[in-house]
Protein backbone atom coordinates (compact mmCIF):
# COMPACT_ATOMS: atom_id res chain seq x y z
CA MET A 1 0.00 0.00 0.00
CA GLY A 2 2.90 2.37 0.61
CA ASP A 3 3.24 5.17 3.12
CA LEU A 4 0.17 7.39 2.84
CA SER A 5 1.87 10.22 4.69
CA ARG A 6 4.31 10.60 1.77
CA GLU A 7 1.52 11.09 -0.77
CA ARG A 8 -0.16 14.34 -1.78
CA CYS A 9 -3.90 14.84 -1.98
CA GLN A 10 -5.23 14.81 -5.54
CA PRO A 11 -8.13 17.00 -6.69
CA GLY A 12 -11.18 15.04 -7.80
CA ALA A 13 -10.20 11.80 -6.08
CA PRO A 14 -12.97 9.20 -6.40
CA ALA A 15 -14.67 7.57 -3.44
CA VAL A 16 -13.02 4.38 -2.21
CA THR A 17 -14.91 1.12 -1.89
CA PRO A 18 -15.67 -0.24 1.59
CA GLU A 19 -12.94 -2.84 1.03
CA GLY A 20 -10.49 -0.16 -0.05
CA ALA A 21 -11.38 1.94 2.99
CA ALA A 22 -10.73 -1.01 5.30
CA GLU A 23 -7.33 -1.60 3.69
CA LEU A 24 -6.37 2.08 3.97
CA LEU A 25 -7.65 2.29 7.55
CA ALA A 26 -5.28 -0.55 8.51
CA GLY A 27 -2.36 1.75 7.67
CA LEU A 28 -3.44 4.42 10.18
CA SER A 29 -3.22 4.70 13.94
CA PRO A 30 -5.74 2.32 15.55
CA SER A 31 -7.39 5.39 17.09
CA TRP A 32 -9.04 6.22 13.75
CA ARG A 33 -12.56 4.88 13.16
CA SER A 34 -14.47 4.65 9.90
CA GLU A 35 -18.12 5.46 10.57
CA GLY A 36 -20.80 6.26 8.01
CA GLY A 37 -18.51 7.48 5.25
CA ARG A 38 -16.31 9.46 7.64
CA LEU A 39 -12.98 8.98 9.40
CA ARG A 40 -13.00 10.04 13.04
CA ARG A 41 -10.42 10.37 15.76
CA GLU A 42 -10.65 11.91 19.21
CA TYR A 43 -7.70 13.24 21.18
CA ARG A 44 -7.71 13.60 24.95
CA LEU A 45 -5.30 16.37 25.89
CA ARG A 46 -4.53 18.59 28.86
CA GLY A 47 -6.26 21.88 29.41
CA PHE A 48 -7.42 24.08 26.57
CA GLY A 49 -4.09 25.12 25.07
CA GLU A 50 -3.03 21.64 23.96
CA PRO A 51 -6.19 20.96 21.91
CA VAL A 52 -5.97 24.43 20.35
CA ALA A 53 -2.29 23.95 19.48
CA LEU A 54 -3.00 20.60 17.82
CA ALA A 55 -5.95 22.09 15.94
CA VAL A 56 -3.69 24.83 14.57
CA ARG A 57 -1.07 22.28 13.41
CA ILE A 58 -3.82 20.25 11.72
CA ALA A 59 -5.25 23.41 10.10
CA LEU A 60 -1.85 24.32 8.63
CA LEU A 61 -1.43 20.78 7.30
CA ALA A 62 -4.93 20.88 5.81
CA GLU A 63 -4.13 24.13 4.02
CA ARG A 64 -0.98 22.60 2.49
CA GLU A 65 -2.97 19.58 1.31
CA ASP A 66 -6.05 21.60 0.31
CA HIS A 67 -8.17 18.98 2.07
CA HIS A 68 -9.88 20.16 5.23
CA PRO A 69 -11.23 18.16 8.18
CA GLU A 70 -13.97 19.15 10.57
CA LEU A 71 -12.42 20.06 13.92
CA ARG A 72 -14.33 20.26 17.20
CA LEU A 73 -12.42 21.27 20.26
CA GLY A 74 -13.07 21.92 23.87
CA TYR A 75 -11.33 21.79 27.18
CA GLY A 76 -9.18 18.65 27.16
CA HIS A 77 -10.27 17.24 23.80
CA LEU A 78 -10.13 17.62 20.04
CA GLU A 79 -12.25 15.65 17.58
CA VAL A 80 -11.15 15.31 13.96
CA GLU A 81 -13.49 14.15 11.20
CA LEU A 82 -12.57 13.62 7.55
CA THR A 83 -14.80 13.02 4.54
CA THR A 84 -14.91 14.23 0.95
CA HIS A 85 -18.24 15.95 0.39
CA SER A 86 -17.78 16.17 -3.40
CA ALA A 87 -17.30 12.39 -3.60
CA GLY A 88 -20.10 11.60 -1.18
CA GLY A 89 -17.85 9.69 1.22
CA LEU A 90 -14.26 8.70 1.82
CA THR A 91 -11.50 9.13 -0.74
CA ARG A 92 -7.81 8.32 -0.60
CA ASN A 93 -7.29 12.01 0.28
CA ASP A 94 -9.01 11.50 3.63
CA PHE A 95 -6.61 8.71 4.51
CA ILE A 96 -3.60 10.72 3.33
CA VAL A 97 -4.54 13.62 5.62
CA ALA A 98 -5.24 11.19 8.49
CA ALA A 99 -1.78 9.63 8.03
CA LYS A 100 -0.18 13.08 8.06
CA ILE A 101 -2.13 13.97 11.23
CA ASP A 102 -0.78 10.75 12.79
CA GLU A 103 2.73 12.08 12.17
CA LEU A 104 1.89 15.32 14.03
CA THR A 105 0.95 13.46 17.19
């Protein structure tokens, strides 16, 4: 499968099959979950500053990749959710960004 974190997101990537999603998910941290056409991961962190700092690092990464997750943060936690709205579900791009987020943490 290769190292997803070394790939770049590609515009117009097609949706992956459920089998393809399962294969790609296996290459990520076990903290990622595939649920209803979305990839989700929750971080438990200290205070408010740590979740905000991680959200900023993820936002900068997302800008470089031009593929943007949903981020929900609060005191002690950050939730990350990836999907590709234009494809109606998960694409390889979602897994690429997830792999790059894994490298940040």
